[in-house]
N, C-alpha and C. Protein backbone atom coordinates (compact mmCIF):
# COMPACT_ATOMS: atom_id res chain seq x y z
N UNK A 1 -17.75 -10.57 -9.29
CA UNK A 1 -16.96 -9.39 -9.60
C UNK A 1 -16.28 -8.84 -8.34
N UNK A 2 -16.72 -9.28 -7.17
CA UNK A 2 -16.13 -8.81 -5.93
C UNK A 2 -14.66 -9.15 -5.80
N UNK A 3 -14.27 -10.34 -6.24
CA UNK A 3 -12.85 -10.73 -6.16
C UNK A 3 -12.00 -9.89 -7.11
N UNK A 4 -12.52 -9.59 -8.29
CA UNK A 4 -11.78 -8.75 -9.24
C UNK A 4 -11.61 -7.34 -8.69
N UNK A 5 -12.63 -6.83 -8.02
CA UNK A 5 -12.53 -5.51 -7.41
C UNK A 5 -11.50 -5.51 -6.29
N UNK A 6 -11.51 -6.54 -5.46
CA UNK A 6 -10.54 -6.64 -4.38
C UNK A 6 -9.12 -6.71 -4.92
N UNK A 7 -8.89 -7.52 -5.93
CA UNK A 7 -7.56 -7.60 -6.55
C UNK A 7 -7.13 -6.24 -7.08
N UNK A 8 -8.04 -5.56 -7.75
CA UNK A 8 -7.72 -4.24 -8.28
C UNK A 8 -7.38 -3.26 -7.16
N UNK A 9 -8.20 -3.23 -6.11
CA UNK A 9 -7.98 -2.28 -5.02
C UNK A 9 -6.64 -2.50 -4.34
N UNK A 10 -6.28 -3.76 -4.11
CA UNK A 10 -5.00 -4.06 -3.45
C UNK A 10 -3.84 -3.62 -4.32
N UNK A 11 -3.85 -3.98 -5.60
CA UNK A 11 -2.72 -3.63 -6.46
C UNK A 11 -2.69 -2.13 -6.72
N UNK A 12 -3.83 -1.46 -6.75
CA UNK A 12 -3.83 0.00 -6.94
C UNK A 12 -3.13 0.68 -5.77
N UNK A 13 -3.38 0.23 -4.56
CA UNK A 13 -2.71 0.82 -3.40
C UNK A 13 -1.22 0.52 -3.41
N UNK A 14 -0.87 -0.71 -3.74
CA UNK A 14 0.55 -1.07 -3.77
C UNK A 14 1.29 -0.24 -4.82
N UNK A 15 0.73 -0.15 -6.02
CA UNK A 15 1.37 0.63 -7.09
C UNK A 15 1.45 2.10 -6.69
N UNK A 16 0.42 2.62 -6.06
CA UNK A 16 0.44 4.01 -5.63
C UNK A 16 1.52 4.30 -4.61
N UNK A 17 1.65 3.43 -3.63
CA UNK A 17 2.67 3.62 -2.59
C UNK A 17 4.07 3.50 -3.18
N UNK A 18 4.29 2.50 -4.02
CA UNK A 18 5.61 2.31 -4.62
C UNK A 18 5.97 3.49 -5.52
N UNK A 19 5.01 4.00 -6.27
CA UNK A 19 5.28 5.16 -7.13
C UNK A 19 5.61 6.40 -6.30
N UNK A 20 4.92 6.59 -5.20
CA UNK A 20 5.23 7.73 -4.34
C UNK A 20 6.64 7.59 -3.76
N UNK A 21 7.01 6.39 -3.31
CA UNK A 21 8.36 6.17 -2.82
C UNK A 21 9.39 6.48 -3.89
N UNK A 22 9.10 6.05 -5.09
CA UNK A 22 10.02 6.28 -6.20
C UNK A 22 10.18 7.77 -6.50
N UNK A 23 9.08 8.50 -6.53
CA UNK A 23 9.12 9.91 -6.90
C UNK A 23 9.57 10.81 -5.74
N UNK A 24 9.07 10.54 -4.54
CA UNK A 24 9.35 11.43 -3.41
C UNK A 24 10.71 11.14 -2.77
N UNK A 25 11.12 9.90 -2.75
CA UNK A 25 12.40 9.55 -2.12
C UNK A 25 13.47 9.24 -3.16
N UNK A 26 13.14 8.37 -4.10
CA UNK A 26 14.14 7.91 -5.05
C UNK A 26 14.67 8.98 -5.99
N UNK A 27 13.81 9.75 -6.57
CA UNK A 27 14.25 10.76 -7.54
C UNK A 27 15.09 11.86 -6.89
N UNK A 28 14.69 12.41 -5.73
CA UNK A 28 15.57 13.41 -5.09
C UNK A 28 16.94 12.83 -4.71
N UNK A 29 16.95 11.59 -4.24
CA UNK A 29 18.24 10.97 -3.92
C UNK A 29 19.11 10.81 -5.16
N UNK A 30 18.48 10.41 -6.26
CA UNK A 30 19.25 10.18 -7.48
C UNK A 30 19.78 11.48 -8.07
N UNK A 31 18.92 12.47 -8.20
CA UNK A 31 19.32 13.69 -8.89
C UNK A 31 19.87 14.76 -7.95
N UNK A 32 19.51 14.72 -6.69
CA UNK A 32 20.00 15.73 -5.76
C UNK A 32 21.27 15.32 -5.03
N UNK A 33 21.37 14.02 -4.75
CA UNK A 33 22.49 13.53 -3.95
C UNK A 33 23.33 12.49 -4.69
N UNK A 34 23.04 12.29 -5.96
CA UNK A 34 23.80 11.35 -6.80
C UNK A 34 23.85 9.95 -6.20
N UNK A 35 22.71 9.51 -5.66
CA UNK A 35 22.61 8.17 -5.07
C UNK A 35 21.42 7.45 -5.72
N UNK A 36 21.68 6.67 -6.78
CA UNK A 36 20.57 6.06 -7.53
C UNK A 36 20.07 4.73 -6.97
N UNK A 37 20.51 4.32 -5.78
CA UNK A 37 20.16 2.99 -5.29
C UNK A 37 18.66 2.78 -5.14
N UNK A 38 17.93 3.77 -4.66
CA UNK A 38 16.49 3.62 -4.47
C UNK A 38 15.79 3.48 -5.82
N UNK A 39 16.18 4.30 -6.79
CA UNK A 39 15.58 4.23 -8.13
C UNK A 39 15.92 2.89 -8.78
N UNK A 40 17.14 2.43 -8.60
CA UNK A 40 17.55 1.15 -9.19
C UNK A 40 16.82 -0.02 -8.56
N UNK A 41 16.42 0.12 -7.31
CA UNK A 41 15.71 -0.95 -6.62
C UNK A 41 14.21 -0.88 -6.83
N UNK A 42 13.65 0.29 -6.58
CA UNK A 42 12.19 0.44 -6.63
C UNK A 42 11.67 0.60 -8.05
N UNK A 43 12.47 1.17 -8.94
CA UNK A 43 12.03 1.38 -10.32
C UNK A 43 11.58 0.11 -11.02
N UNK A 44 12.42 -0.94 -11.05
CA UNK A 44 11.98 -2.19 -11.68
C UNK A 44 10.80 -2.83 -10.96
N UNK A 45 10.76 -2.71 -9.63
CA UNK A 45 9.63 -3.25 -8.88
C UNK A 45 8.34 -2.55 -9.28
N UNK A 46 8.41 -1.23 -9.42
CA UNK A 46 7.22 -0.49 -9.85
C UNK A 46 6.81 -0.92 -11.26
N UNK A 47 7.78 -1.11 -12.13
CA UNK A 47 7.46 -1.54 -13.49
C UNK A 47 6.73 -2.87 -13.50
N UNK A 48 7.21 -3.82 -12.72
CA UNK A 48 6.55 -5.13 -12.65
C UNK A 48 5.16 -5.00 -12.03
N UNK A 49 5.07 -4.27 -10.92
CA UNK A 49 3.78 -4.11 -10.26
C UNK A 49 2.78 -3.36 -11.13
N UNK A 50 3.26 -2.43 -11.94
CA UNK A 50 2.36 -1.71 -12.84
C UNK A 50 1.77 -2.66 -13.88
N UNK A 51 2.56 -3.63 -14.33
CA UNK A 51 2.03 -4.62 -15.27
C UNK A 51 0.93 -5.46 -14.61
N UNK A 52 1.12 -5.80 -13.34
CA UNK A 52 0.07 -6.51 -12.59
C UNK A 52 -1.16 -5.63 -12.45
N UNK A 53 -0.94 -4.35 -12.20
CA UNK A 53 -2.04 -3.37 -12.10
C UNK A 53 -2.83 -3.33 -13.40
N UNK A 54 -2.13 -3.30 -14.52
CA UNK A 54 -2.81 -3.27 -15.82
C UNK A 54 -3.68 -4.50 -16.02
N UNK A 55 -3.18 -5.65 -15.67
CA UNK A 55 -3.95 -6.89 -15.80
C UNK A 55 -5.18 -6.85 -14.91
N UNK A 56 -5.00 -6.41 -13.67
CA UNK A 56 -6.14 -6.33 -12.74
C UNK A 56 -7.18 -5.32 -13.21
N UNK A 57 -6.72 -4.16 -13.71
CA UNK A 57 -7.65 -3.15 -14.21
C UNK A 57 -8.39 -3.66 -15.45
N UNK A 58 -7.68 -4.33 -16.34
CA UNK A 58 -8.31 -4.88 -17.54
C UNK A 58 -9.35 -5.93 -17.16
N UNK A 59 -9.00 -6.81 -16.24
CA UNK A 59 -9.92 -7.86 -15.81
C UNK A 59 -11.19 -7.25 -15.22
N UNK A 60 -11.04 -6.25 -14.35
CA UNK A 60 -12.20 -5.61 -13.75
C UNK A 60 -13.02 -4.87 -14.80
N UNK A 61 -12.36 -4.18 -15.71
CA UNK A 61 -13.07 -3.44 -16.76
C UNK A 61 -13.86 -4.39 -17.66
N UNK A 62 -13.28 -5.52 -17.96
CA UNK A 62 -13.97 -6.52 -18.80
C UNK A 62 -15.20 -7.06 -18.09
N UNK A 63 -15.05 -7.36 -16.82
CA UNK A 63 -16.18 -7.90 -16.05
C UNK A 63 -17.30 -6.87 -15.85
N UNK A 64 -16.92 -5.59 -15.72
CA UNK A 64 -17.90 -4.52 -15.47
C UNK A 64 -18.43 -3.90 -16.77
N UNK A 65 -17.93 -4.35 -17.91
CA UNK A 65 -18.35 -3.82 -19.21
C UNK A 65 -18.16 -2.31 -19.32
N UNK A 66 -16.98 -1.84 -18.93
CA UNK A 66 -16.68 -0.42 -19.05
C UNK A 66 -16.40 -0.04 -20.48
N UNK A 67 -16.67 1.21 -20.84
CA UNK A 67 -16.25 1.70 -22.15
C UNK A 67 -14.72 1.77 -22.21
N UNK A 68 -14.19 1.75 -23.40
CA UNK A 68 -12.74 1.75 -23.61
C UNK A 68 -12.07 2.98 -22.98
N UNK A 69 -12.70 4.14 -23.07
CA UNK A 69 -12.12 5.36 -22.51
C UNK A 69 -11.96 5.25 -21.00
N UNK A 70 -12.96 4.75 -20.30
CA UNK A 70 -12.88 4.59 -18.85
C UNK A 70 -11.78 3.61 -18.49
N UNK A 71 -11.72 2.51 -19.21
CA UNK A 71 -10.68 1.51 -18.94
C UNK A 71 -9.29 2.10 -19.12
N UNK A 72 -9.09 2.86 -20.19
CA UNK A 72 -7.78 3.46 -20.46
C UNK A 72 -7.40 4.47 -19.38
N UNK A 73 -8.35 5.27 -18.94
CA UNK A 73 -8.06 6.26 -17.90
C UNK A 73 -7.70 5.59 -16.57
N UNK A 74 -8.40 4.52 -16.24
CA UNK A 74 -8.08 3.80 -15.00
C UNK A 74 -6.70 3.16 -15.11
N UNK A 75 -6.38 2.64 -16.27
CA UNK A 75 -5.06 2.03 -16.47
C UNK A 75 -3.94 3.08 -16.36
N UNK A 76 -4.18 4.26 -16.87
CA UNK A 76 -3.17 5.32 -16.80
C UNK A 76 -3.01 5.89 -15.39
N UNK A 77 -3.98 5.65 -14.53
CA UNK A 77 -3.93 6.20 -13.18
C UNK A 77 -2.73 5.70 -12.38
N UNK A 78 -2.17 4.58 -12.75
CA UNK A 78 -1.01 4.05 -12.04
C UNK A 78 0.30 4.71 -12.41
N UNK A 79 0.26 5.69 -13.30
CA UNK A 79 1.49 6.34 -13.74
C UNK A 79 1.70 7.71 -13.13
N UNK A 80 0.71 8.25 -12.45
CA UNK A 80 0.80 9.59 -11.87
C UNK A 80 0.68 9.46 -10.35
N UNK A 81 1.65 10.00 -9.60
CA UNK A 81 1.58 9.88 -8.14
C UNK A 81 0.25 10.38 -7.58
N UNK A 82 -0.28 9.65 -6.65
CA UNK A 82 -1.52 9.92 -5.91
C UNK A 82 -2.79 9.67 -6.73
N UNK A 83 -2.71 9.58 -8.04
CA UNK A 83 -3.92 9.40 -8.85
C UNK A 83 -4.47 7.98 -8.71
N UNK A 84 -3.61 7.01 -8.46
CA UNK A 84 -4.12 5.64 -8.31
C UNK A 84 -5.04 5.53 -7.09
N UNK A 85 -4.79 6.33 -6.06
CA UNK A 85 -5.66 6.31 -4.88
C UNK A 85 -7.04 6.88 -5.22
N UNK A 86 -7.05 7.98 -5.97
CA UNK A 86 -8.31 8.58 -6.40
C UNK A 86 -9.07 7.62 -7.32
N UNK A 87 -8.35 7.03 -8.26
CA UNK A 87 -8.98 6.10 -9.20
C UNK A 87 -9.54 4.89 -8.46
N UNK A 88 -8.83 4.42 -7.47
CA UNK A 88 -9.32 3.26 -6.70
C UNK A 88 -10.65 3.57 -6.03
N UNK A 89 -10.78 4.76 -5.47
CA UNK A 89 -12.03 5.14 -4.83
C UNK A 89 -13.16 5.27 -5.85
N UNK A 90 -12.86 5.90 -6.99
CA UNK A 90 -13.88 6.06 -8.03
C UNK A 90 -14.31 4.70 -8.57
N UNK A 91 -13.34 3.83 -8.83
CA UNK A 91 -13.65 2.50 -9.37
C UNK A 91 -14.49 1.73 -8.37
N UNK A 92 -14.14 1.79 -7.10
CA UNK A 92 -14.93 1.10 -6.07
C UNK A 92 -16.37 1.60 -6.06
N UNK A 93 -16.53 2.91 -6.20
CA UNK A 93 -17.87 3.49 -6.24
C UNK A 93 -18.64 3.01 -7.47
N UNK A 94 -17.98 3.05 -8.64
CA UNK A 94 -18.65 2.61 -9.87
C UNK A 94 -19.10 1.16 -9.78
N UNK A 95 -18.21 0.32 -9.30
CA UNK A 95 -18.53 -1.11 -9.27
C UNK A 95 -19.60 -1.41 -8.24
N UNK A 96 -19.48 -0.84 -7.05
CA UNK A 96 -20.50 -1.13 -6.04
C UNK A 96 -21.85 -0.51 -6.39
N UNK A 97 -21.84 0.64 -7.03
CA UNK A 97 -23.11 1.25 -7.45
C UNK A 97 -23.76 0.42 -8.55
N UNK A 98 -22.95 -0.18 -9.40
CA UNK A 98 -23.50 -0.99 -10.49
C UNK A 98 -23.96 -2.37 -10.06
N UNK A 99 -23.51 -2.85 -8.90
CA UNK A 99 -23.88 -4.20 -8.47
C UNK A 99 -24.91 -4.22 -7.36
N UNK A 100 -25.28 -3.07 -6.86
CA UNK A 100 -26.30 -3.02 -5.81
C UNK A 100 -27.64 -3.45 -6.37
N UNK A 101 -28.35 -4.23 -5.60
CA UNK A 101 -29.69 -4.62 -6.02
C UNK A 101 -30.67 -3.58 -5.50
N UNK A 102 -31.62 -3.19 -6.30
CA UNK A 102 -32.58 -2.20 -5.85
C UNK A 102 -33.38 -2.70 -4.65
N UNK A 103 -33.59 -1.87 -3.68
CA UNK A 103 -34.36 -2.22 -2.48
C UNK A 103 -35.84 -1.97 -2.78
N UNK A 104 -36.68 -2.90 -2.34
CA UNK A 104 -38.12 -2.68 -2.57
C UNK A 104 -38.62 -1.48 -1.75
N UNK A 105 -39.53 -0.77 -2.33
CA UNK A 105 -40.10 0.41 -1.69
C UNK A 105 -41.19 -0.06 -0.73
N UNK A 106 -41.06 0.39 0.52
CA UNK A 106 -42.07 0.03 1.52
C UNK A 106 -43.35 0.80 1.23
N UNK A 107 -44.43 0.12 1.29
CA UNK A 107 -45.64 0.84 0.96
C UNK A 107 -46.79 0.55 1.78
């Protein structure tokens, strides 16, 4: 499951950064300065990368046996700026907490 988590973490960061670029730079340029070049370039890239994000999130959710609600919330995290970073940290915590082997108690 470590490889699935790594794939998810990488694509979550990429999608998060691209979405921030789109919202923070592209949208003001398009609507404030009538220059849609950034949105026309980054928008389709974000759409494609978001599809990769969905596949990675689904793969990780399937391997970790998450409930449907958790899987859906993690998948939606790639649509709101900055939320994919929070979701990535939470997902990393959930997966590593679930895969840790209990340490024997010294006695």
